[in-house]
C-alpha atoms as a PDB file:
ATOM      1  CA  MET A   1     -32.843 -29.200 -51.987  1.00  0.00           C
ATOM      2  CA  LYS A   2     -35.416 -28.730 -49.179  1.00  0.00           C
ATOM      3  CA  ARG A   3     -32.571 -28.959 -46.699  1.00  0.00           C
ATOM      4  CA  LEU A   4     -30.634 -26.226 -48.560  1.00  0.00           C
ATOM      5  CA  ILE A   5     -33.745 -23.972 -48.463  1.00  0.00           C
ATOM      6  CA  HIS A   6     -34.174 -24.619 -44.758  1.00  0.00           C
ATOM      7  CA  LEU A   7     -30.564 -23.661 -44.021  1.00  0.00           C
ATOM      8  CA  SER A   8     -30.830 -20.514 -46.156  1.00  0.00           C
ATOM      9  CA  HIS A   9     -33.856 -19.456 -44.058  1.00  0.00           C
ATOM     10  CA  GLN A  10     -31.901 -20.032 -40.818  1.00  0.00           C
ATOM     11  CA  ALA A  11     -28.986 -17.949 -42.196  1.00  0.00           C
ATOM     12  CA  MET A  12     -31.371 -15.139 -43.129  1.00  0.00           C
ATOM     13  CA  TRP A  13     -32.973 -14.968 -39.620  1.00  0.00           C
ATOM     14  CA  LEU A  14     -29.552 -15.126 -37.964  1.00  0.00           C
ATOM     15  CA  GLY A  15     -28.304 -12.212 -40.068  1.00  0.00           C
ATOM     16  CA  LEU A  16     -31.455 -10.186 -39.257  1.00  0.00           C
ATOM     17  CA  ALA A  17     -30.958 -10.820 -35.550  1.00  0.00           C
ATOM     18  CA  MET A  18     -27.351  -9.687 -35.717  1.00  0.00           C
ATOM     19  CA  LEU A  19     -28.335  -6.542 -37.626  1.00  0.00           C
ATOM     20  CA  LEU A  20     -30.928  -5.629 -35.039  1.00  0.00           C
ATOM     21  CA  ALA A  21     -28.529  -6.256 -32.180  1.00  0.00           C
ATOM     22  CA  THR A  22     -25.929  -3.939 -33.628  1.00  0.00           C
ATOM     23  CA  GLY A  23     -28.524  -1.190 -33.864  1.00  0.00           C
ATOM     24  CA  LEU A  24     -29.491  -1.443 -30.218  1.00  0.00           C
ATOM     25  CA  PRO A  25     -27.622   0.660 -27.628  1.00  0.00           C
ATOM     26  CA  ALA A  26     -25.127  -1.297 -25.516  1.00  0.00           C
ATOM     27  CA  ARG A  27     -26.134  -1.886 -21.967  1.00  0.00           C
ATOM     28  CA  ALA A  28     -23.621  -0.567 -19.474  1.00  0.00           C
ATOM     29  CA  ALA A  29     -22.054  -3.203 -17.307  1.00  0.00           C
ATOM     30  CA  GLU A  30     -22.887  -2.928 -13.672  1.00  0.00           C
ATOM     31  CA  PRO A  31     -19.824  -1.546 -11.839  1.00  0.00           C
ATOM     32  CA  GLY A  32     -18.133  -3.818  -9.418  1.00  0.00           C
ATOM     33  CA  LEU A  33     -16.094  -3.122  -6.311  1.00  0.00           C
ATOM     34  CA  LYS A  34     -12.341  -3.096  -6.540  1.00  0.00           C
ATOM     35  CA  ILE A  35     -10.485  -4.135  -3.386  1.00  0.00           C
ATOM     36  CA  SER A  36      -6.747  -3.646  -2.939  1.00  0.00           C
ATOM     37  CA  PRO A  37      -5.286  -5.917  -1.717  1.00  0.00           C
ATOM     38  CA  ALA A  38      -7.964  -8.570  -2.317  1.00  0.00           C
ATOM     39  CA  GLU A  39      -6.095 -10.904  -0.047  1.00  0.00           C
ATOM     40  CA  VAL A  40      -4.378  -9.918   3.199  1.00  0.00           C
ATOM     41  CA  GLN A  41      -1.689 -12.289   4.482  1.00  0.00           C
ATOM     42  CA  ILE A  42      -1.058 -12.686   8.221  1.00  0.00           C
ATOM     43  CA  GLY A  43       2.602 -13.620   8.769  1.00  0.00           C
ATOM     44  CA  ALA A  44       4.834 -13.723  11.779  1.00  0.00           C
ATOM     45  CA  PHE A  45       5.302  -9.902  11.681  1.00  0.00           C
ATOM     46  CA  PHE A  46       1.777  -8.874  10.734  1.00  0.00           C
ATOM     47  CA  ASN A  47       1.085  -5.394  12.083  1.00  0.00           C
ATOM     48  CA  GLY A  48      -2.236  -4.654  10.502  1.00  0.00           C
ATOM     49  CA  GLN A  49      -3.080  -3.775   6.935  1.00  0.00           C
ATOM     50  CA  THR A  50      -4.700  -0.825   5.191  1.00  0.00           C
ATOM     51  CA  VAL A  51      -7.252  -1.865   2.536  1.00  0.00           C
ATOM     52  CA  THR A  52      -8.548   0.437  -0.249  1.00  0.00           C
ATOM     53  CA  VAL A  53     -12.000   0.033  -1.886  1.00  0.00           C
ATOM     54  CA  SER A  54     -13.251   1.826  -5.010  1.00  0.00           C
ATOM     55  CA  GLY A  55     -16.385   1.727  -7.107  1.00  0.00           C
ATOM     56  CA  THR A  56     -18.957   3.876  -8.810  1.00  0.00           C
ATOM     57  CA  ILE A  57     -22.485   4.979  -7.938  1.00  0.00           C
ATOM     58  CA  PRO A  58     -25.074   7.019  -9.785  1.00  0.00           C
ATOM     59  CA  ALA A  59     -24.569  10.779  -9.564  1.00  0.00           C
ATOM     60  CA  GLY A  60     -26.837  12.394  -6.956  1.00  0.00           C
ATOM     61  CA  THR A  61     -26.887   9.366  -4.659  1.00  0.00           C
ATOM     62  CA  GLN A  62     -24.996   8.565  -1.422  1.00  0.00           C
ATOM     63  CA  ALA A  63     -23.366   5.395  -0.287  1.00  0.00           C
ATOM     64  CA  VAL A  64     -22.526   3.218   2.736  1.00  0.00           C
ATOM     65  CA  LEU A  65     -19.671   0.704   2.772  1.00  0.00           C
ATOM     66  CA  GLU A  66     -19.702  -2.224   5.226  1.00  0.00           C
ATOM     67  CA  VAL A  67     -16.918  -4.756   6.004  1.00  0.00           C
ATOM     68  CA  ILE A  68     -18.539  -7.720   7.696  1.00  0.00           C
ATOM     69  CA  GLY A  69     -16.958 -10.912   9.164  1.00  0.00           C
ATOM     70  CA  SER A  70     -18.617 -14.232   9.728  1.00  0.00           C
ATOM     71  CA  SER A  71     -21.085 -14.431  12.555  1.00  0.00           C
ATOM     72  CA  ALA A  72     -20.855 -16.572  15.727  1.00  0.00           C
ATOM     73  CA  GLU A  73     -22.156 -16.734  19.289  1.00  0.00           C
ATOM     74  CA  GLU A  74     -20.278 -15.157  22.120  1.00  0.00           C
ATOM     75  CA  HIS A  75     -20.531 -15.817  25.834  1.00  0.00           C
ATOM     76  CA  LEU A  76     -19.806 -12.960  28.254  1.00  0.00           C
ATOM     77  CA  MET A  77     -19.695 -12.892  32.037  1.00  0.00           C
ATOM     78  CA  ARG A  78     -21.688 -10.259  33.733  1.00  0.00           C
ATOM     79  CA  LYS A  79     -20.123  -8.412  36.702  1.00  0.00           C
ATOM     80  CA  GLY A  80     -22.036  -7.385  39.761  1.00  0.00           C
ATOM     81  CA  ARG A  81     -21.458  -6.336  43.413  1.00  0.00           C
ATOM     82  CA  ARG A  82     -21.930  -9.047  45.993  1.00  0.00           C
ATOM     83  CA  ALA A  83     -20.978  -8.449  49.613  1.00  0.00           C
ATOM     84  CA  GLY A  84     -19.210  -5.211  48.547  1.00  0.00           C
ATOM     85  CA  MET A  85     -17.036  -7.004  45.930  1.00  0.00           C
ATOM     86  CA  TRP A  86     -17.206  -7.164  42.146  1.00  0.00           C
ATOM     87  CA  MET A  87     -17.626 -10.718  40.903  1.00  0.00           C
ATOM     88  CA  ASN A  88     -19.261 -12.745  38.087  1.00  0.00           C
ATOM     89  CA  VAL A  89     -23.038 -12.913  38.603  1.00  0.00           C
ATOM     90  CA  GLY A  90     -24.134 -14.655  35.508  1.00  0.00           C
ATOM     91  CA  GLU A  91     -23.544 -15.361  31.788  1.00  0.00           C
ATOM     92  CA  ILE A  92     -24.915 -13.393  28.845  1.00  0.00           C
ATOM     93  CA  ASN A  93     -25.087 -15.006  25.464  1.00  0.00           C
ATOM     94  CA  VAL A  94     -24.957 -12.897  22.252  1.00  0.00           C
ATOM     95  CA  GLN A  95     -25.896 -14.458  18.936  1.00  0.00           C
ATOM     96  CA  ASN A  96     -25.209 -13.286  15.376  1.00  0.00           C
ATOM     97  CA  VAL A  97     -22.007 -11.424  16.359  1.00  0.00           C
ATOM     98  CA  PRO A  98     -19.809 -10.496  13.355  1.00  0.00           C
ATOM     99  CA  SER A  99     -16.155 -11.145  13.948  1.00  0.00           C
ATOM    100  CA  LEU A 100     -15.486  -7.781  12.297  1.00  0.00           C
ATOM    101  CA  TYR A 101     -17.849  -4.911  11.499  1.00  0.00           C
ATOM    102  CA  LEU A 102     -16.636  -1.624   9.909  1.00  0.00           C
ATOM    103  CA  VAL A 103     -19.016   0.825   8.371  1.00  0.00           C
ATOM    104  CA  MET A 104     -18.359   4.051   6.474  1.00  0.00           C
ATOM    105  CA  SER A 105     -20.677   6.538   4.764  1.00  0.00           C
ATOM    106  CA  SER A 106     -20.390   9.362   2.182  1.00  0.00           C
ATOM    107  CA  ALA A 107     -22.872  11.581   4.063  1.00  0.00           C
ATOM    108  CA  LYS A 108     -22.311  11.791   7.828  1.00  0.00           C
ATOM    109  CA  GLU A 109     -26.015  11.785   8.655  1.00  0.00           C
ATOM    110  CA  LEU A 110     -26.401   8.325   7.176  1.00  0.00           C
ATOM    111  CA  LEU A 111     -24.688   7.009  10.248  1.00  0.00           C
ATOM    112  CA  THR A 112     -25.093   9.739  12.822  1.00  0.00           C
ATOM    113  CA  ALA A 113     -28.881  10.086  12.207  1.00  0.00           C
ATOM    114  CA  ALA A 114     -29.849   6.884  10.467  1.00  0.00           C
ATOM    115  CA  PRO A 115     -33.635   6.287  10.249  1.00  0.00           C
ATOM    116  CA  PRO A 116     -35.138   3.459  12.397  1.00  0.00           C
ATOM    117  CA  GLU A 117     -35.716   1.344   9.270  1.00  0.00           C
ATOM    118  CA  ALA A 118     -32.134   1.630   8.072  1.00  0.00           C
ATOM    119  CA  THR A 119     -30.613  -1.618   6.829  1.00  0.00           C
ATOM    120  CA  TRP A 120     -27.059  -0.480   7.351  1.00  0.00           C
ATOM    121  CA  GLY A 121     -24.723   0.595  10.154  1.00  0.00           C
ATOM    122  CA  TYR A 122     -25.102   0.045  13.882  1.00  0.00           C
ATOM    123  CA  ARG A 123     -28.893   0.654  13.566  1.00  0.00           C
ATOM    124  CA  ALA A 124     -29.206  -2.538  11.543  1.00  0.00           C
ATOM    125  CA  LEU A 125     -26.583  -4.403  13.558  1.00  0.00           C
ATOM    126  CA  GLU A 126     -28.630  -3.797  16.767  1.00  0.00           C
ATOM    127  CA  LYS A 127     -31.593  -5.523  15.180  1.00  0.00           C
ATOM    128  CA  ARG A 128     -29.553  -8.635  14.309  1.00  0.00           C
ATOM    129  CA  LEU A 129     -27.873  -9.112  17.721  1.00  0.00           C
ATOM    130  CA  VAL A 130     -29.806 -11.461  20.064  1.00  0.00           C
ATOM    131  CA  PHE A 131     -29.150 -11.346  23.823  1.00  0.00           C
ATOM    132  CA  SER A 132     -30.096 -14.055  26.255  1.00  0.00           C
ATOM    133  CA  GLY A 133     -29.118 -15.212  29.728  1.00  0.00           C
ATOM    134  CA  LYS A 134     -28.662 -12.986  32.758  1.00  0.00           C
ATOM    135  CA  ILE A 135     -30.206  -9.892  31.261  1.00  0.00           C
ATOM    136  CA  GLU A 136     -33.617  -8.194  31.611  1.00  0.00           C
ATOM    137  CA  PRO A 137     -35.413  -6.719  28.554  1.00  0.00           C
ATOM    138  CA  ALA A 138     -35.234  -3.235  30.092  1.00  0.00           C
ATOM    139  CA  GLU A 139     -31.401  -3.574  30.273  1.00  0.00           C
ATOM    140  CA  ARG A 140     -30.874  -4.531  26.597  1.00  0.00           C
ATOM    141  CA  GLN A 141     -30.226  -1.002  25.249  1.00  0.00           C
ATOM    142  CA  GLU A 142     -27.632  -0.190  27.928  1.00  0.00           C
ATOM    143  CA  PHE A 143     -25.888  -3.542  27.548  1.00  0.00           C
ATOM    144  CA  LEU A 144     -25.928  -3.150  23.758  1.00  0.00           C
ATOM    145  CA  LYS A 145     -24.209   0.210  24.120  1.00  0.00           C
ATOM    146  CA  GLN A 146     -21.510  -1.349  26.338  1.00  0.00           C
ATOM    147  CA  PHE A 147     -21.117  -4.267  23.962  1.00  0.00           C
ATOM    148  CA  LEU A 148     -20.445  -1.991  20.990  1.00  0.00           C
ATOM    149  CA  GLU A 149     -18.039   0.100  23.062  1.00  0.00           C
ATOM    150  CA  LEU A 150     -16.159  -3.100  23.977  1.00  0.00           C
ATOM    151  CA  LYS A 151     -15.848  -4.148  20.357  1.00  0.00           C
ATOM    152  CA  GLU A 152     -14.685  -0.683  19.354  1.00  0.00           C
ATOM    153  CA  SER A 153     -12.021  -0.720  22.113  1.00  0.00           C
ATOM    154  CA  GLU A 154     -10.731  -3.998  20.499  1.00  0.00           C
ATOM    155  CA  GLN A 155     -10.665  -2.160  17.141  1.00  0.00           C
ATOM    156  CA  ILE A 156     -12.822  -4.795  15.444  1.00  0.00           C
ATOM    157  CA  TYR A 157     -15.947  -2.575  15.224  1.00  0.00           C
ATOM    158  CA  ALA A 158     -15.951   1.035  13.940  1.00  0.00           C
ATOM    159  CA  SER A 159     -18.429   3.501  12.540  1.00  0.00           C
ATOM    160  CA  ARG A 160     -16.926   6.284  10.409  1.00  0.00           C
ATOM    161  CA  PRO A 161     -19.374   8.852   9.193  1.00  0.00           C
ATOM    162  CA  GLY A 162     -18.192  10.726   6.059  1.00  0.00           C
ATOM    163  CA  ALA A 163     -15.195   8.459   5.509  1.00  0.00           C
ATOM    164  CA  LEU A 164     -16.355   7.534   1.967  1.00  0.00           C
ATOM    165  CA  LYS A 165     -15.109  10.053  -0.586  1.00  0.00           C
ATOM    166  CA  LEU A 166     -17.187  10.975  -3.691  1.00  0.00           C
ATOM    167  CA  LYS A 167     -15.842  12.430  -6.930  1.00  0.00           C
ATOM    168  CA  ALA A 168     -17.609  13.163 -10.181  1.00  0.00           C
ATOM    169  CA  ALA A 169     -16.972  10.510 -12.866  1.00  0.00           C
ATOM    170  CA  PRO A 170     -17.860  10.206 -16.562  1.00  0.00           C
ATOM    171  CA  GLY A 171     -21.350   9.061 -17.506  1.00  0.00           C
ATOM    172  CA  ALA A 172     -23.540  10.631 -14.834  1.00  0.00           C
ATOM    173  CA  ALA A 173     -21.734   8.690 -12.098  1.00  0.00           C
ATOM    174  CA  SER A 174     -19.704   9.320  -8.949  1.00  0.00           C
ATOM    175  CA  ALA A 175     -16.521   7.529  -8.083  1.00  0.00           C
ATOM    176  CA  VAL A 176     -16.474   6.345  -4.454  1.00  0.00           C
ATOM    177  CA  THR A 177     -13.207   5.499  -2.575  1.00  0.00           C
ATOM    178  CA  ALA A 178     -12.433   4.497   0.943  1.00  0.00           C
ATOM    179  CA  SER A 179      -9.552   3.114   3.010  1.00  0.00           C
ATOM    180  CA  PHE A 180      -9.817   1.242   6.257  1.00  0.00           C
ATOM    181  CA  PRO A 181      -7.304  -0.437   8.558  1.00  0.00           C
ATOM    182  CA  LEU A 182      -7.494  -4.163   9.410  1.00  0.00           C
ATOM    183  CA  PRO A 183      -6.313  -4.473  13.039  1.00  0.00           C
ATOM    184  CA  THR A 184      -3.570  -6.878  14.170  1.00  0.00           C
ATOM    185  CA  ASN A 185      -6.201  -9.146  15.806  1.00  0.00           C
ATOM    186  CA  THR A 186      -8.134  -9.744  12.599  1.00  0.00           C
ATOM    187  CA  ARG A 187      -9.049 -13.382  12.220  1.00  0.00           C
ATOM    188  CA  PRO A 188      -8.309 -15.367   9.086  1.00  0.00           C
ATOM    189  CA  GLY A 189     -11.308 -15.993   6.880  1.00  0.00           C
ATOM    190  CA  ALA A 190     -13.564 -14.567   4.185  1.00  0.00           C
ATOM    191  CA  TYR A 191     -15.044 -11.096   4.721  1.00  0.00           C
ATOM    192  CA  LYS A 192     -17.838  -9.403   2.810  1.00  0.00           C
ATOM    193  CA  VAL A 193     -17.204  -5.844   1.555  1.00  0.00           C
ATOM    194  CA  CYS A 194     -20.620  -4.430   0.609  1.00  0.00           C
ATOM    195  CA  LEU A 195     -21.498  -1.069  -1.026  1.00  0.00           C
ATOM    196  CA  SER A 196     -25.109   0.095  -0.655  1.00  0.00           C
ATOM    197  CA  VAL A 197     -26.333   3.006  -2.794  1.00  0.00           C
ATOM    198  CA  ILE A 198     -28.726   5.208  -0.826  1.00  0.00           C
ATOM    199  CA  GLN A 199     -31.348   7.491  -2.336  1.00  0.00           C
ATOM    200  CA  ASP A 200     -34.118   9.202  -0.406  1.00  0.00           C
ATOM    201  CA  GLY A 201     -33.296   7.232   2.716  1.00  0.00           C
ATOM    202  CA  ARG A 202     -33.535   3.730   1.181  1.00  0.00           C
ATOM    203  CA  VAL A 203     -31.149   1.294  -0.475  1.00  0.00           C
ATOM    204  CA  VAL A 204     -31.594   1.242  -4.317  1.00  0.00           C
ATOM    205  CA  SER A 205     -28.694  -1.151  -5.012  1.00  0.00           C
ATOM    206  CA  HIS A 206     -26.395  -3.387  -3.071  1.00  0.00           C
ATOM    207  CA  ASN A 207     -23.168  -4.888  -4.314  1.00  0.00           C
ATOM    208  CA  CYS A 208     -20.667  -7.122  -2.422  1.00  0.00           C
ATOM    209  CA  ALA A 209     -17.175  -8.456  -3.035  1.00  0.00           C
ATOM    210  CA  GLU A 210     -14.991 -10.750  -0.998  1.00  0.00           C
ATOM    211  CA  LEU A 211     -11.873  -9.910   1.038  1.00  0.00           C
ATOM    212  CA  THR A 212      -9.726 -12.842   2.048  1.00  0.00           C
ATOM    213  CA  VAL A 213      -7.539 -12.856   5.168  1.00  0.00           C
ATOM    214  CA  ALA A 214      -5.117 -15.853   5.302  1.00  0.00           C
ATOM    215  CA  LEU A 215      -2.461 -17.172   7.553  1.00  0.00           C
ATOM    216  CA  VAL A 216       1.009 -17.665   5.952  1.00  0.00           C
ATOM    217  CA  GLY A 217       4.414 -18.736   7.091  1.00  0.00           C
ATOM    218  CA  PHE A 218       5.021 -19.570  10.761  1.00  0.00           C
ATOM    219  CA  PRO A 219       1.462 -18.716  11.935  1.00  0.00           C
ATOM    220  CA  ALA A 220      -0.023 -20.990   9.248  1.00  0.00           C
ATOM    221  CA  TRP A 221       2.320 -23.807  10.224  1.00  0.00           C
ATOM    222  CA  LEU A 222       1.503 -23.336  13.939  1.00  0.00           C
ATOM    223  CA  ALA A 223      -2.247 -23.374  13.221  1.00  0.00           C
ATOM    224  CA  GLU A 224      -1.910 -26.580  11.111  1.00  0.00           C
ATOM    225  CA  LEU A 225       0.076 -28.120  13.975  1.00  0.00           C
ATOM    226  CA  ALA A 226      -2.562 -27.183  16.560  1.00  0.00           C
ATOM    227  CA  TYR A 227      -5.525 -28.488  14.586  1.00  0.00           C
ATOM    228  CA  GLY A 228      -3.898 -31.453  12.818  1.00  0.00           C
ATOM    229  CA  HIS A 229      -1.326 -32.699  15.352  1.00  0.00           C
ATOM    230  CA  GLY A 230      -2.599 -31.838  18.838  1.00  0.00           C
ATOM    231  CA  VAL A 231      -0.056 -33.966  20.724  1.00  0.00           C
ATOM    232  CA  ALA A 232       2.909 -32.488  18.860  1.00  0.00           C
ATOM    233  CA  TYR A 233       1.526 -29.011  19.446  1.00  0.00           C
ATOM    234  CA  GLY A 234       1.142 -29.634  23.151  1.00  0.00           C
ATOM    235  CA  VAL A 235       4.733 -30.910  23.447  1.00  0.00           C
ATOM    236  CA  LEU A 236       6.031 -27.881  21.541  1.00  0.00           C
ATOM    237  CA  ALA A 237       4.037 -25.557  23.795  1.00  0.00           C
ATOM    238  CA  VAL A 238       5.557 -27.179  26.942  1.00  0.00           C
ATOM    239  CA  VAL A 239       9.091 -26.953  25.491  1.00  0.00           C
ATOM    240  CA  ILE A 240       8.617 -23.260  24.541  1.00  0.00           C
ATOM    241  CA  ALA A 241       7.244 -22.541  28.120  1.00  0.00           C
ATOM    242  CA  ILE A 242      10.256 -24.264  29.707  1.00  0.00           C
ATOM    243  CA  VAL A 243      12.827 -22.515  27.484  1.00  0.00           C
ATOM    244  CA  THR A 244      11.164 -19.145  28.082  1.00  0.00           C
ATOM    245  CA  GLY A 245      11.171 -19.787  31.835  1.00  0.00           C
ATOM    246  CA  PHE A 246      14.901 -20.603  31.843  1.00  0.00           C
ATOM    247  CA  ALA A 247      15.649 -17.553  29.685  1.00  0.00           C
ATOM    248  CA  MET A 248      13.662 -15.178  31.890  1.00  0.00           C
ATOM    249  CA  GLY A 249      15.270 -16.630  34.970  1.00  0.00           C
ATOM    250  CA  PHE A 250      18.770 -16.199  33.511  1.00  0.00           C
ATOM    251  CA  ILE A 251      18.049 -12.611  32.483  1.00  0.00           C
ATOM    252  CA  PHE A 252      16.700 -11.506  35.866  1.00  0.00           C
ATOM    253  CA  LYS A 253      19.348 -13.435  37.742  1.00  0.00           C
ATOM    254  CA  GLY A 254      22.007 -11.778  35.657  1.00  0.00           C
ATOM    255  CA  GLY A 255      20.431  -8.310  36.155  1.00  0.00           C
ATOM    256  CA  GLY A 256      20.304  -8.826  39.945  1.00  0.00           C
ATOM    257  CA  GLY A 257      24.026  -9.505  40.214  1.00  0.00           C
ATOM    258  CA  HIS A 258      25.079  -5.953  39.246  1.00  0.00           C
END
């Protein structure tokens, strides 16, 4: 009997909790980023890929979208004039270098006139990069400028002010959309796609999703051969070089006979 009374009390409290829960307003789910396609496949005829990102932000705010690859250390040779000739005069090491860095903003000034404390864009990237080696502290800013220009010429870095498009959405929100090209030299791996909501010059929310770039087909087989079967890969490379040499010789010899 006591057990029955105890169970009836539990049922009463459970019913009361459910009643109160139904009377409370539902909490809106935090919007996530949608990436299309979420996986980019690099095959034998890969010629780049356009990726589209969409999401929502509170009305009256602005946004910055960043596409960031994994970081590594790079070694660059510095050129200088010696005896009237340009030659290598030392090595410069750069740490924390993203393999890919694309940044877009809804308002142009977020990138063209970012405040010094900005945690987005080239302004933040400059703070993360560490230079060492054959470089003086006074030269850092000029070398940084040249480094970013080099990456932009390779199409793996880009800053696009105003490339994010905003449109009014239901529920005091704005829909944000953007498209960006992945170049042909994009490396396979996992990339972070991050949307920062900016209000009054500071980040009020930060949401990230993952974009996967994977090798498929012949490039995947070749990579597996190179890393898992080094001897076979070396033999194949030699055979391809010999066949290519014979083919080029035949073509040029045939062309010269006319």
